[in-house]
Amino acid sequence: MDKAWTKLPRHWNKYRKGVRNFLDFAYTKGRPQGREISCPCAHCANCKWERRHVVRDQLIAAGFVEGYDIWVNHGEDIPSPMKIDKDTKAQESSLDDIDGLLYDTFRNVVEAEESSEAPNEDARKFYKLINEAKQELYPGCESFSTLSFIIRLYLLKCLHGWSNASFTSLLELLKEAIPELNIPESFNKTKGMISDLGLDYKKIHACPNDCMLYWKEHENDNSCNICKASRWKEFPHVESESSGHAKYDHKIPAKVLRHFPLIPRFQRLFMCSKTTKEMRWHEEERSKDGKLRHPADGQAWKDFDRLHHDFASEPRNIRLGLSSDDFNPFRTMSLSHSTWPVMMVVYNYPPWLSMKSEYTMLSLLIPGPQSPGNDIDVYLQPLIEELKELWELGVDTYDASKNQTFKIRDALLWTISDYPGYAMLSGWRTKGKFACACCNHNTKSSYLKNSHNMCYMGHRVFLPMSHAWRLNKRSFNGKKELRSAPSLLKGTEIVETLKDFENEFGKKRRRKEMVHGRKNQYFLSYLIGLKIHYVIILM
């Protein structure tokens, strides 16, 4: 569709006519929730659902959100590579470079195979995928191999939310309609092919009250060791007519944490020749003229390098940021549901790549329906174990650009979150009398009786002692401010304060809280403004 009118002045009749045509299209081709559609205006950015007249008014007032050129949220299809002109067939073939994908993914297996040292299991997966990549989808097919078709079909399943059963039914229908198709017979076999590529995730069952994970030594437990809640959802038992006994169906876990392992993805970054050079950009190509353009130009990065010379000496070691926030996956505000993804940001990349969504890694998907609160520490355990392994031991990784194997390590430098997320990740209370992480016990707070809120008026302590506002009584709380700025907590002070503190997790247990945090504060550095440039992990 022609969308040139979206760039026109919003008071023009042609623009307003285009808005009407857009709304007609969205309510005809899209999938409105009753009378509401997602509003694509610059303010809502497809994050809010509104009625037709509201969307129209906001599009005329604010215009379309920048970059929304394909109306995928309103019924327009994403252009398929199959629709590319024949003159660009070479470009189309590059989109399905399965041989290159397999070689980059299993490069270490190929190199080891040449020296007769290939791991048997990895080699088996590699040669199996190679055979599937060479198989024609059907006799005479030149556009797809079996593997490339399955990957494309699996992508459509993920994009459009097909159920596993519907995916199996589609495979059966395709096989029945075209018997020559070389495709798997079920979703489970398809998933096996995808998992061999390293694109799978792990399911870890959790206590429904957020007390513990059924993980490691508790993997085979059937009830929570803390609150005694059942691991499984309970359904009414159906009496069997023949035996008269209860008939048990497949057990369904009450709560499931999705863990997307980081280590194989980090390894793949260096196995791929297209990304391994970008991982060294911060050291080899960054302009070092003293201007702040990248986190590596900041004082925090420099202080970290000064404290950890062995880590800084290898520019391929990964510097990470962590971000987490809740969202409602059901696209409606009438249903209260809170799911928490935990995302990892790689800061080795140049700034125009590190913040792109395709370069952000999903590490954990913490299920709802309620926010985990301070019990988020329970769900962070698999991620923390990975980060500790990478920090303390490192993992052997093949660098495709230098044709060598090195030991990759990582460091978590920052977390990015809003204030409620900051409270959950750090364990610091962000409301009440001592809400300021910088001021600590010296927080100057006052309770406002009429509004029932806390007011913080001590911010003048951070001004220079000669600043005129320090002596200004009338504009503030009626008092002069002669105090000096409070000193920030040191890492040794935090360790000493929390060394004997024990957490009690779970919604049904009484939690022993401290004013300034709790043990197992995995992400203290920079989250609370400390002068520590590394992560303190307290066990």
Protein backbone atom coordinates (compact mmCIF):
# COMPACT_ATOMS: atom_id res chain seq x y z
CA MET A 1 0.00 0.00 0.00
CA ASP A 2 1.13 3.54 -0.73
CA LYS A 3 2.06 5.17 2.58
CA ALA A 4 3.56 8.40 1.29
CA TRP A 5 0.60 10.29 2.74
CA THR A 6 1.77 9.45 6.29
CA LYS A 7 4.60 11.99 5.81
CA LEU A 8 2.25 14.81 4.75
CA PRO A 9 1.22 17.66 7.09
CA ARG A 10 -1.51 16.33 9.34
CA HIS A 11 -3.95 19.15 8.58
CA TRP A 12 -4.07 18.28 4.88
CA ASN A 13 -7.21 16.61 3.56
CA LYS A 14 -5.09 13.93 1.84
CA TYR A 15 -3.59 12.93 5.19
CA ARG A 16 -6.99 12.73 6.89
CA LYS A 17 -8.36 10.68 4.00
CA GLY A 18 -5.39 8.34 4.38
CA VAL A 19 -6.17 7.94 8.09
CA ARG A 20 -9.74 6.92 7.22
CA ASN A 21 -8.46 4.39 4.68
CA PHE A 22 -6.00 3.03 7.24
CA LEU A 23 -8.80 2.54 9.80
CA ASP A 24 -10.99 0.81 7.21
CA PHE A 25 -8.08 -1.49 6.40
CA ALA A 26 -7.28 -2.20 10.06
CA TYR A 27 -10.88 -3.10 10.91
CA THR A 28 -11.23 -5.25 7.77
CA LYS A 29 -7.90 -7.06 7.49
CA GLY A 30 -6.57 -6.73 11.05
CA ARG A 31 -7.60 -8.55 14.19
CA PRO A 32 -9.32 -5.96 16.39
CA GLN A 33 -10.06 -6.82 20.01
CA GLY A 34 -13.77 -6.13 19.88
CA ARG A 35 -14.02 -2.45 18.98
CA GLU A 36 -10.39 -1.67 19.78
CA ILE A 37 -7.19 -1.79 17.74
CA SER A 38 -3.62 -1.00 18.74
CA CYS A 39 -2.99 2.73 18.30
CA PRO A 40 0.02 3.41 16.01
CA CYS A 41 0.34 7.11 16.89
CA ALA A 42 3.68 8.56 17.98
CA HIS A 43 2.56 8.60 21.62
CA CYS A 44 1.07 5.11 21.94
CA ALA A 45 3.47 3.32 19.54
CA ASN A 46 1.15 0.28 19.25
CA CYS A 47 1.29 -0.26 23.02
CA LYS A 48 -2.28 0.83 23.78
CA TRP A 49 -5.61 -0.41 22.46
CA GLU A 50 -8.19 2.25 21.63
CA ARG A 51 -11.48 2.63 19.80
CA ARG A 52 -11.69 3.90 16.23
CA HIS A 53 -12.49 7.53 16.96
CA VAL A 54 -9.72 7.75 19.56
CA VAL A 55 -7.14 6.28 17.15
CA ARG A 56 -8.28 8.73 14.45
CA ASP A 57 -7.94 11.77 16.72
CA GLN A 58 -4.51 10.70 17.99
CA LEU A 59 -3.17 10.01 14.49
CA ILE A 60 -4.23 13.48 13.40
CA ALA A 61 -2.81 15.07 16.56
CA ALA A 62 0.50 13.18 16.83
CA GLY A 63 1.01 11.34 13.53
CA PHE A 64 2.24 7.80 12.97
CA VAL A 65 5.05 6.39 15.09
CA GLU A 66 8.35 6.67 13.26
CA GLY A 67 9.45 3.52 11.44
CA TYR A 68 6.00 1.88 11.33
CA ASP A 69 6.01 1.44 7.54
CA ILE A 70 4.61 -2.11 7.41
CA TRP A 71 1.31 -2.34 9.30
CA VAL A 72 1.95 -5.78 10.75
CA ASN A 73 -0.21 -5.05 13.81
CA HIS A 74 -3.16 -4.11 11.61
CA GLY A 75 -3.35 -6.93 9.09
CA GLU A 76 -0.58 -6.21 6.59
CA ASP A 77 1.69 -9.13 5.78
CA ILE A 78 5.47 -9.06 6.07
CA PRO A 79 7.00 -9.33 2.57
CA SER A 80 8.12 -12.91 2.02
CA PRO A 81 11.48 -13.72 0.43
CA MET A 82 9.52 -15.94 -1.96
CA LYS A 83 8.08 -12.77 -3.57
CA ILE A 84 11.48 -11.36 -4.50
CA ASP A 85 11.99 -10.81 -8.21
CA LYS A 86 13.88 -13.46 -10.17
CA ASP A 87 16.57 -10.91 -11.00
CA THR A 88 17.52 -10.90 -7.31
CA LYS A 89 17.69 -14.67 -7.00
CA ALA A 90 21.29 -14.51 -5.80
CA GLN A 91 20.21 -12.27 -2.94
CA GLU A 92 17.34 -14.61 -2.12
CA SER A 93 19.67 -17.60 -1.92
CA SER A 94 21.79 -15.74 0.63
CA LEU A 95 18.78 -15.58 2.95
CA ASP A 96 18.78 -19.37 3.16
CA ASP A 97 22.54 -19.97 3.42
CA ILE A 98 22.05 -23.22 5.33
CA ASP A 99 25.54 -24.49 4.54
CA GLY A 100 27.06 -21.30 5.93
CA LEU A 101 24.81 -21.49 8.99
CA LEU A 102 25.82 -25.07 9.73
CA TYR A 103 29.50 -24.40 9.16
CA ASP A 104 29.48 -21.35 11.43
CA THR A 105 27.52 -23.19 14.12
CA PHE A 106 29.63 -26.37 14.07
CA ARG A 107 32.94 -24.90 12.93
CA ASN A 108 34.72 -26.35 15.94
CA VAL A 109 33.35 -29.78 15.04
CA VAL A 110 34.59 -29.45 11.45
CA GLU A 111 38.05 -28.35 12.51
CA ALA A 112 38.28 -31.16 15.06
CA GLU A 113 37.00 -33.70 12.52
CA GLU A 114 39.87 -32.84 10.21
CA SER A 115 42.26 -33.80 13.01
CA SER A 116 40.15 -36.87 13.99
CA GLU A 117 39.25 -35.32 17.34
CA ALA A 118 35.60 -34.42 16.74
CA PRO A 119 33.20 -35.05 19.65
CA ASN A 120 30.98 -37.97 18.69
CA GLU A 121 27.70 -36.40 19.77
CA ASP A 122 28.32 -33.04 18.11
CA ALA A 123 29.64 -34.72 14.98
CA ARG A 124 26.51 -36.87 14.79
CA LYS A 125 24.27 -33.79 14.97
CA PHE A 126 26.39 -31.98 12.40
CA TYR A 127 26.31 -34.74 9.79
CA LYS A 128 22.63 -35.34 10.38
CA LEU A 129 21.88 -31.67 9.71
CA ILE A 130 24.20 -31.68 6.69
CA ASN A 131 22.21 -34.56 5.20
CA GLU A 132 18.92 -32.76 5.86
CA ALA A 133 20.33 -29.58 4.30
CA LYS A 134 21.24 -31.53 1.15
CA GLN A 135 17.86 -33.24 0.83
CA GLU A 136 15.50 -31.70 -1.70
CA LEU A 137 12.14 -30.68 -0.29
CA TYR A 138 10.61 -32.61 -3.19
CA PRO A 139 12.15 -34.00 -6.40
CA GLY A 140 13.33 -31.10 -8.56
CA CYS A 141 12.89 -28.39 -5.90
CA GLU A 142 15.62 -25.73 -6.14
CA SER A 143 14.22 -23.10 -3.75
CA PHE A 144 14.21 -25.06 -0.51
CA SER A 145 16.00 -27.90 1.17
CA THR A 146 14.26 -29.92 3.87
CA LEU A 147 16.09 -28.06 6.62
CA SER A 148 15.55 -24.55 5.22
CA PHE A 149 11.82 -25.22 4.71
CA ILE A 150 11.40 -26.53 8.25
CA ILE A 151 13.22 -23.51 9.71
CA ARG A 152 10.99 -21.15 7.72
CA LEU A 153 7.85 -23.03 8.74
CA TYR A 154 8.93 -23.02 12.39
CA LEU A 155 9.50 -19.26 12.16
CA LEU A 156 5.90 -18.80 10.98
CA LYS A 157 4.70 -20.88 13.91
CA CYS A 158 6.53 -18.62 16.36
CA LEU A 159 5.44 -15.37 14.69
CA HIS A 160 1.75 -16.26 14.50
CA GLY A 161 1.34 -18.29 17.68
CA TRP A 162 0.38 -21.66 16.19
CA SER A 163 -0.17 -24.37 18.75
CA ASN A 164 1.92 -27.54 18.68
CA ALA A 165 -1.13 -29.58 17.71
CA SER A 166 -2.00 -27.26 14.81
CA PHE A 167 1.60 -27.41 13.59
CA THR A 168 1.48 -31.23 13.59
CA SER A 169 -1.85 -31.14 11.74
CA LEU A 170 -0.36 -28.83 9.11
CA LEU A 171 2.58 -31.18 8.57
CA GLU A 172 0.19 -34.11 8.19
CA LEU A 173 -1.93 -32.18 5.69
CA LEU A 174 1.11 -31.16 3.63
CA LYS A 175 2.34 -34.76 3.64
CA GLU A 176 -1.08 -36.02 2.56
CA ALA A 177 -1.45 -33.44 -0.21
CA ILE A 178 2.14 -33.81 -1.48
CA PRO A 179 3.43 -37.30 -0.60
CA GLU A 180 6.86 -36.49 -2.10
CA LEU A 181 7.60 -33.85 0.56
CA ASN A 182 10.60 -34.70 2.75
CA ILE A 183 9.35 -33.16 5.99
CA PRO A 184 9.00 -34.45 9.57
CA GLU A 185 5.75 -36.07 10.58
CA SER A 186 5.15 -34.21 13.85
CA PHE A 187 6.06 -31.15 15.87
CA ASN A 188 8.28 -33.17 18.19
CA LYS A 189 10.51 -34.32 15.34
CA THR A 190 10.64 -30.77 13.99
CA LYS A 191 11.63 -29.47 17.40
CA GLY A 192 14.42 -32.04 17.51
CA MET A 193 15.87 -30.58 14.31
CA ILE A 194 15.66 -27.03 15.66
CA SER A 195 17.24 -27.98 19.00
CA ASP A 196 20.21 -29.52 17.16
CA LEU A 197 20.90 -26.04 15.80
CA GLY A 198 21.19 -24.71 19.35
CA LEU A 199 17.96 -22.70 19.17
CA ASP A 200 16.18 -24.49 22.02
CA TYR A 201 15.45 -23.49 25.60
CA LYS A 202 15.17 -25.34 28.90
CA LYS A 203 12.04 -25.69 30.99
CA ILE A 204 12.58 -25.59 34.74
CA HIS A 205 9.58 -26.29 36.96
CA ALA A 206 8.99 -23.89 39.85
CA CYS A 207 6.97 -23.82 43.04
CA PRO A 208 3.64 -22.02 42.44
CA ASN A 209 4.42 -19.87 45.50
CA ASP A 210 7.90 -18.90 44.19
CA CYS A 211 9.72 -20.74 46.99
CA MET A 212 12.15 -22.85 44.93
CA LEU A 213 13.03 -24.32 41.56
CA TYR A 214 12.84 -28.03 40.83
CA TRP A 215 16.43 -27.92 39.70
CA LYS A 216 19.63 -29.84 40.31
CA GLU A 217 19.21 -31.96 43.47
CA HIS A 218 15.48 -31.12 43.60
CA GLU A 219 14.80 -32.03 39.98
CA ASN A 220 12.76 -35.14 40.85
CA ASP A 221 10.83 -33.74 43.83
CA ASN A 222 7.05 -33.70 43.62
CA SER A 223 6.34 -31.04 46.24
CA CYS A 224 7.97 -27.88 47.51
CA ASN A 225 10.44 -28.37 50.36
CA ILE A 226 9.39 -25.08 51.92
CA CYS A 227 5.62 -24.58 51.60
CA LYS A 228 4.77 -28.23 50.68
CA ALA A 229 2.74 -27.11 47.66
CA SER A 230 2.38 -29.67 44.89
CA ARG A 231 4.63 -29.38 41.87
CA TRP A 232 1.74 -30.28 39.58
CA LYS A 233 -1.58 -28.69 38.75
CA GLU A 234 -4.44 -30.49 40.43
CA PHE A 235 -7.44 -31.55 38.36
CA PRO A 236 -10.53 -33.54 39.34
CA HIS A 237 -9.80 -37.24 38.95
CA VAL A 238 -12.02 -39.18 36.57
CA GLU A 239 -13.16 -42.59 37.75
CA SER A 240 -12.43 -45.39 35.33
CA GLU A 241 -15.57 -47.42 34.55
CA SER A 242 -13.73 -50.73 34.43
CA SER A 243 -11.52 -50.53 37.50
CA GLY A 244 -13.29 -47.94 39.59
CA HIS A 245 -9.93 -46.30 40.38
CA ALA A 246 -8.88 -42.77 39.57
CA LYS A 247 -7.52 -42.29 36.08
CA TYR A 248 -4.37 -40.11 36.04
CA ASP A 249 -3.56 -38.11 32.95
CA HIS A 250 -0.29 -36.46 31.97
CA LYS A 251 1.01 -34.27 34.78
CA ILE A 252 1.11 -30.53 34.12
CA PRO A 253 3.56 -28.40 36.12
CA ALA A 254 2.04 -25.58 38.14
CA LYS A 255 4.70 -23.08 37.07
CA VAL A 256 7.46 -23.24 34.45
CA LEU A 257 10.54 -21.04 34.07
CA ARG A 258 11.96 -20.81 30.53
CA HIS A 259 15.75 -20.59 30.49
CA PHE A 260 17.54 -19.67 27.27
CA PRO A 261 21.21 -20.62 27.84
CA LEU A 262 23.69 -17.84 27.10
CA ILE A 263 26.88 -19.84 26.68
CA PRO A 264 26.04 -21.51 23.31
CA ARG A 265 24.84 -18.18 21.95
CA PHE A 266 28.00 -16.41 23.07
CA GLN A 267 30.03 -19.14 21.39
CA ARG A 268 28.03 -18.75 18.21
CA LEU A 269 28.81 -15.01 18.11
CA PHE A 270 32.47 -15.88 17.57
CA MET A 271 31.88 -18.89 15.37
CA CYS A 272 30.07 -16.64 12.89
CA SER A 273 32.55 -14.69 10.78
CA LYS A 274 30.03 -11.84 10.36
CA THR A 275 29.81 -10.99 14.06
CA THR A 276 33.16 -11.88 15.59
CA LYS A 277 34.82 -8.65 14.37
CA GLU A 278 31.97 -6.59 15.82
CA MET A 279 32.69 -8.13 19.23
CA ARG A 280 36.12 -6.45 19.20
CA TRP A 281 34.89 -3.08 17.90
CA HIS A 282 35.06 -1.38 21.29
CA GLU A 283 38.81 -1.99 21.43
CA GLU A 284 40.01 -1.98 17.82
CA GLU A 285 37.78 0.49 15.97
CA ARG A 286 36.39 2.86 18.61
CA SER A 287 37.59 6.44 18.38
CA LYS A 288 39.60 7.15 21.54
CA ASP A 289 39.62 10.95 21.56
CA GLY A 290 38.20 11.40 25.06
CA LYS A 291 34.60 12.00 23.95
CA LEU A 292 31.78 9.88 25.32
CA ARG A 293 30.27 7.86 22.48
CA HIS A 294 30.25 4.33 23.89
CA PRO A 295 30.14 2.75 27.37
CA ALA A 296 33.85 1.97 26.90
CA ASP A 297 34.49 5.73 27.02
CA GLY A 298 32.89 5.98 30.46
CA GLN A 299 34.69 6.05 33.78
CA ALA A 300 33.00 2.87 34.98
CA TRP A 301 34.44 0.81 32.12
CA LYS A 302 37.90 2.29 32.66
CA ASP A 303 37.83 1.64 36.42
CA PHE A 304 36.76 -1.94 35.81
CA ASP A 305 39.69 -2.46 33.41
CA ARG A 306 42.05 -0.99 35.99
CA LEU A 307 40.83 -3.43 38.67
CA HIS A 308 40.78 -6.50 36.43
CA HIS A 309 43.82 -6.43 34.15
CA ASP A 310 43.55 -10.09 33.11
CA PHE A 311 39.95 -9.63 31.97
CA ALA A 312 40.66 -6.35 30.17
CA SER A 313 43.67 -7.79 28.32
CA GLU A 314 41.32 -9.92 26.18
CA PRO A 315 39.03 -7.55 24.18
CA ARG A 316 36.80 -10.45 23.16
CA ASN A 317 35.60 -10.91 26.75
CA ILE A 318 31.96 -9.87 26.92
CA ARG A 319 30.66 -6.86 28.86
CA LEU A 320 26.97 -7.23 29.67
CA GLY A 321 23.99 -5.23 30.82
CA LEU A 322 20.84 -6.75 32.27
CA SER A 323 17.30 -5.46 31.88
CA SER A 324 13.99 -6.76 33.18
CA ASP A 325 10.43 -5.50 33.33
CA ASP A 326 6.95 -6.95 33.34
CA PHE A 327 4.47 -7.07 30.48
CA ASN A 328 1.01 -8.42 29.83
CA PRO A 329 1.21 -11.01 27.02
CA PHE A 330 -2.55 -11.03 26.43
CA ARG A 331 -2.84 -7.57 24.83
CA THR A 332 -5.64 -6.42 27.08
CA MET A 333 -5.57 -4.23 30.15
CA SER A 334 -8.72 -5.81 31.56
CA LEU A 335 -6.73 -8.90 32.59
CA SER A 336 -4.09 -8.53 35.28
CA HIS A 337 -1.14 -10.68 34.30
CA SER A 338 2.57 -10.04 34.83
CA THR A 339 5.27 -11.94 32.93
CA TRP A 340 8.91 -10.95 33.47
CA PRO A 341 11.51 -11.40 30.69
CA VAL A 342 15.17 -10.99 31.66
CA MET A 343 17.19 -9.55 28.76
CA MET A 344 20.96 -9.36 28.29
CA VAL A 345 22.62 -6.54 26.32
CA VAL A 346 26.10 -7.04 24.84
CA TYR A 347 28.13 -3.83 25.05
CA ASN A 348 31.05 -5.09 22.94
CA TYR A 349 29.06 -4.09 19.87
CA PRO A 350 29.21 -0.61 18.36
CA PRO A 351 26.46 1.66 19.71
CA TRP A 352 24.33 1.38 16.56
CA LEU A 353 24.06 -2.40 17.11
CA SER A 354 24.12 -3.02 20.86
CA MET A 355 20.63 -1.56 21.44
CA LYS A 356 18.97 -3.21 18.45
CA SER A 357 16.34 -5.78 19.38
CA GLU A 358 17.95 -8.47 17.21
CA TYR A 359 21.18 -8.17 19.21
CA THR A 360 19.45 -8.34 22.60
CA MET A 361 19.39 -11.81 24.16
CA LEU A 362 16.45 -13.22 26.09
CA SER A 363 17.86 -15.16 29.02
CA LEU A 364 14.87 -15.96 31.25
CA LEU A 365 11.12 -15.83 30.91
CA ILE A 366 9.59 -15.73 34.39
CA PRO A 367 5.94 -16.78 34.30
CA GLY A 368 2.96 -14.97 35.84
CA PRO A 369 0.24 -14.36 36.63
CA GLN A 370 1.71 -12.31 39.48
CA SER A 371 4.97 -10.43 39.74
CA PRO A 372 7.67 -12.48 41.53
CA GLY A 373 8.60 -9.48 43.70
CA ASN A 374 11.66 -10.09 45.84
CA ASP A 375 11.34 -13.79 45.02
CA ILE A 376 12.83 -13.02 41.61
CA ASP A 377 16.12 -14.21 43.15
CA VAL A 378 14.77 -17.77 42.98
CA TYR A 379 14.31 -17.51 39.22
CA LEU A 380 17.67 -15.83 38.60
CA GLN A 381 19.63 -18.87 39.78
CA PRO A 382 20.22 -20.48 36.33
CA LEU A 383 21.38 -17.16 34.90
CA ILE A 384 23.66 -16.46 37.86
CA GLU A 385 25.24 -19.90 37.53
CA GLU A 386 26.01 -19.23 33.87
CA LEU A 387 27.46 -15.80 34.62
CA LYS A 388 29.62 -17.21 37.42
CA GLU A 389 30.94 -19.99 35.20
CA LEU A 390 31.84 -17.50 32.49
CA TRP A 391 33.47 -15.12 34.99
CA GLU A 392 35.43 -17.62 37.05
CA LEU A 393 36.29 -20.41 34.62
CA GLY A 394 35.55 -19.23 31.11
CA VAL A 395 34.39 -21.37 28.19
CA ASP A 396 36.45 -22.55 25.21
CA THR A 397 35.25 -20.72 22.09
CA TYR A 398 36.42 -20.75 18.49
CA ASP A 399 37.13 -17.35 16.88
CA ALA A 400 36.36 -17.62 13.17
CA SER A 401 38.15 -14.40 12.21
CA LYS A 402 41.46 -15.37 13.87
CA ASN A 403 41.16 -19.14 13.36
CA GLN A 404 41.96 -19.87 17.00
CA THR A 405 40.31 -21.15 20.17
CA PHE A 406 40.28 -18.94 23.24
CA LYS A 407 38.58 -18.94 26.64
CA ILE A 408 35.71 -16.49 26.70
CA ARG A 409 34.70 -14.74 29.94
CA ASP A 410 32.01 -12.22 30.81
CA ALA A 411 31.27 -9.46 33.31
CA LEU A 412 27.90 -7.97 34.20
CA LEU A 413 28.52 -4.24 34.51
CA TRP A 414 25.09 -2.62 34.57
CA THR A 415 21.39 -3.23 34.96
CA ILE A 416 18.69 -1.17 33.24
CA SER A 417 15.24 -0.97 34.80
CA ASP A 418 12.54 1.34 36.01
CA TYR A 419 12.13 2.06 39.70
CA PRO A 420 9.92 -0.96 40.59
CA GLY A 421 12.21 -3.26 38.63
CA TYR A 422 15.21 -1.67 40.33
CA ALA A 423 13.68 -2.53 43.72
CA MET A 424 13.15 -6.16 42.75
CA LEU A 425 16.59 -6.75 41.26
CA SER A 426 18.60 -5.05 43.97
CA GLY A 427 16.45 -5.75 47.01
CA TRP A 428 16.54 -2.06 47.93
CA ARG A 429 13.28 -0.54 49.09
CA THR A 430 12.27 2.23 46.70
CA LYS A 431 9.49 3.58 48.87
CA GLY A 432 9.18 4.59 52.47
CA LYS A 433 11.50 6.47 54.77
CA PHE A 434 14.84 5.25 53.37
CA ALA A 435 14.06 5.02 49.66
CA CYS A 436 17.23 6.71 48.40
CA ALA A 437 20.04 4.26 47.65
CA CYS A 438 22.61 7.05 47.66
CA CYS A 439 21.63 8.76 50.94
CA ASN A 440 21.08 5.56 52.91
CA HIS A 441 20.34 6.22 56.58
CA ASN A 442 20.86 9.91 55.91
CA THR A 443 17.81 10.15 53.67
CA LYS A 444 15.88 13.30 54.54
CA SER A 445 12.23 12.32 54.24
CA SER A 446 8.96 13.75 55.50
CA TYR A 447 5.51 12.17 55.59
CA LEU A 448 2.73 14.30 54.10
CA LYS A 449 -0.41 13.59 56.12
CA ASN A 450 -2.93 14.94 53.64
CA SER A 451 -1.63 13.14 50.54
CA HIS A 452 -0.34 10.10 52.50
CA ASN A 453 2.95 10.19 50.59
CA MET A 454 6.61 10.52 51.47
CA CYS A 455 8.41 13.69 50.41
CA TYR A 456 12.19 13.82 49.97
CA MET A 457 13.66 17.29 50.43
CA GLY A 458 17.31 16.54 51.12
CA HIS A 459 18.59 16.77 47.57
CA ARG A 460 20.37 20.09 48.23
CA VAL A 461 23.16 18.22 50.00
CA PHE A 462 24.59 17.32 46.58
CA LEU A 463 25.04 20.97 45.61
CA PRO A 464 28.38 22.81 46.13
CA MET A 465 28.69 24.29 49.60
CA SER A 466 28.72 27.80 48.13
CA HIS A 467 25.50 27.33 46.14
CA ALA A 468 22.83 29.95 46.83
CA TRP A 469 20.05 27.35 47.14
CA ARG A 470 21.64 25.90 50.28
CA LEU A 471 20.70 29.09 52.16
CA ASN A 472 17.31 29.50 50.49
CA LYS A 473 14.70 28.69 53.15
CA ARG A 474 11.56 29.99 51.50
CA SER A 475 11.72 27.90 48.32
CA PHE A 476 12.30 24.63 50.12
CA ASN A 477 11.51 23.32 53.61
CA GLY A 478 12.10 26.51 55.57
CA LYS A 479 15.57 25.46 56.67
CA LYS A 480 19.11 26.01 55.54
CA GLU A 481 20.96 23.00 54.16
CA LEU A 482 24.49 22.87 55.59
CA ARG A 483 25.11 19.13 55.46
CA SER A 484 27.69 17.66 53.12
CA ALA A 485 26.79 14.99 50.58
CA PRO A 486 26.61 11.48 52.11
CA SER A 487 29.35 9.03 51.24
CA LEU A 488 28.40 6.12 49.04
CA LEU A 489 28.47 2.57 50.31
CA LYS A 490 31.55 0.50 49.60
CA GLY A 491 31.51 -3.13 48.55
CA THR A 492 33.23 -4.24 51.75
CA GLU A 493 30.55 -2.48 53.82
CA ILE A 494 27.78 -4.26 51.93
CA VAL A 495 29.44 -7.66 52.38
CA GLU A 496 29.90 -7.02 56.10
CA THR A 497 26.28 -5.88 56.54
CA LEU A 498 24.75 -8.82 54.70
CA LYS A 499 27.09 -11.68 55.59
CA ASP A 500 24.80 -13.14 58.30
CA PHE A 501 21.51 -12.32 56.62
CA GLU A 502 19.32 -15.17 55.39
CA ASN A 503 16.47 -14.90 52.94
CA GLU A 504 13.17 -16.70 53.15
CA PHE A 505 11.54 -17.00 49.75
CA GLY A 506 7.95 -17.75 48.86
CA LYS A 507 4.60 -16.02 49.12
CA LYS A 508 3.51 -18.12 52.10
CA ARG A 509 6.55 -17.50 54.25
CA ARG A 510 7.18 -14.51 56.43
CA ARG A 511 10.04 -12.63 54.85
CA LYS A 512 12.77 -11.19 57.02
CA GLU A 513 13.67 -7.92 55.35
CA MET A 514 16.38 -5.43 56.06
CA VAL A 515 15.97 -1.78 55.37
CA HIS A 516 18.77 -1.68 52.84
CA GLY A 517 18.61 -4.98 51.06
CA ARG A 518 18.89 -8.72 51.44
CA LYS A 519 21.40 -11.48 50.96
CA ASN A 520 21.83 -12.86 47.44
CA GLN A 521 21.83 -9.34 45.99
CA TYR A 522 23.22 -10.37 42.67
CA PHE A 523 23.27 -6.97 41.01
CA LEU A 524 24.51 -4.34 43.45
CA SER A 525 26.98 -2.60 41.20
CA TYR A 526 25.72 0.55 39.49
CA LEU A 527 22.14 -0.40 40.20
CA ILE A 528 22.27 1.53 43.45
CA GLY A 529 24.88 4.07 42.42
CA LEU A 530 27.86 2.49 44.16
CA LYS A 531 31.49 3.20 43.34
CA ILE A 532 32.01 -0.49 42.59
CA HIS A 533 32.58 -1.45 38.99
CA TYR A 534 32.05 -5.17 39.22
CA VAL A 535 29.23 -7.43 40.31
CA ILE A 536 29.20 -8.71 43.87
CA ILE A 537 27.68 -12.17 44.05
CA LEU A 538 26.90 -13.27 47.59
CA MET A 539 26.16 -16.90 48.17
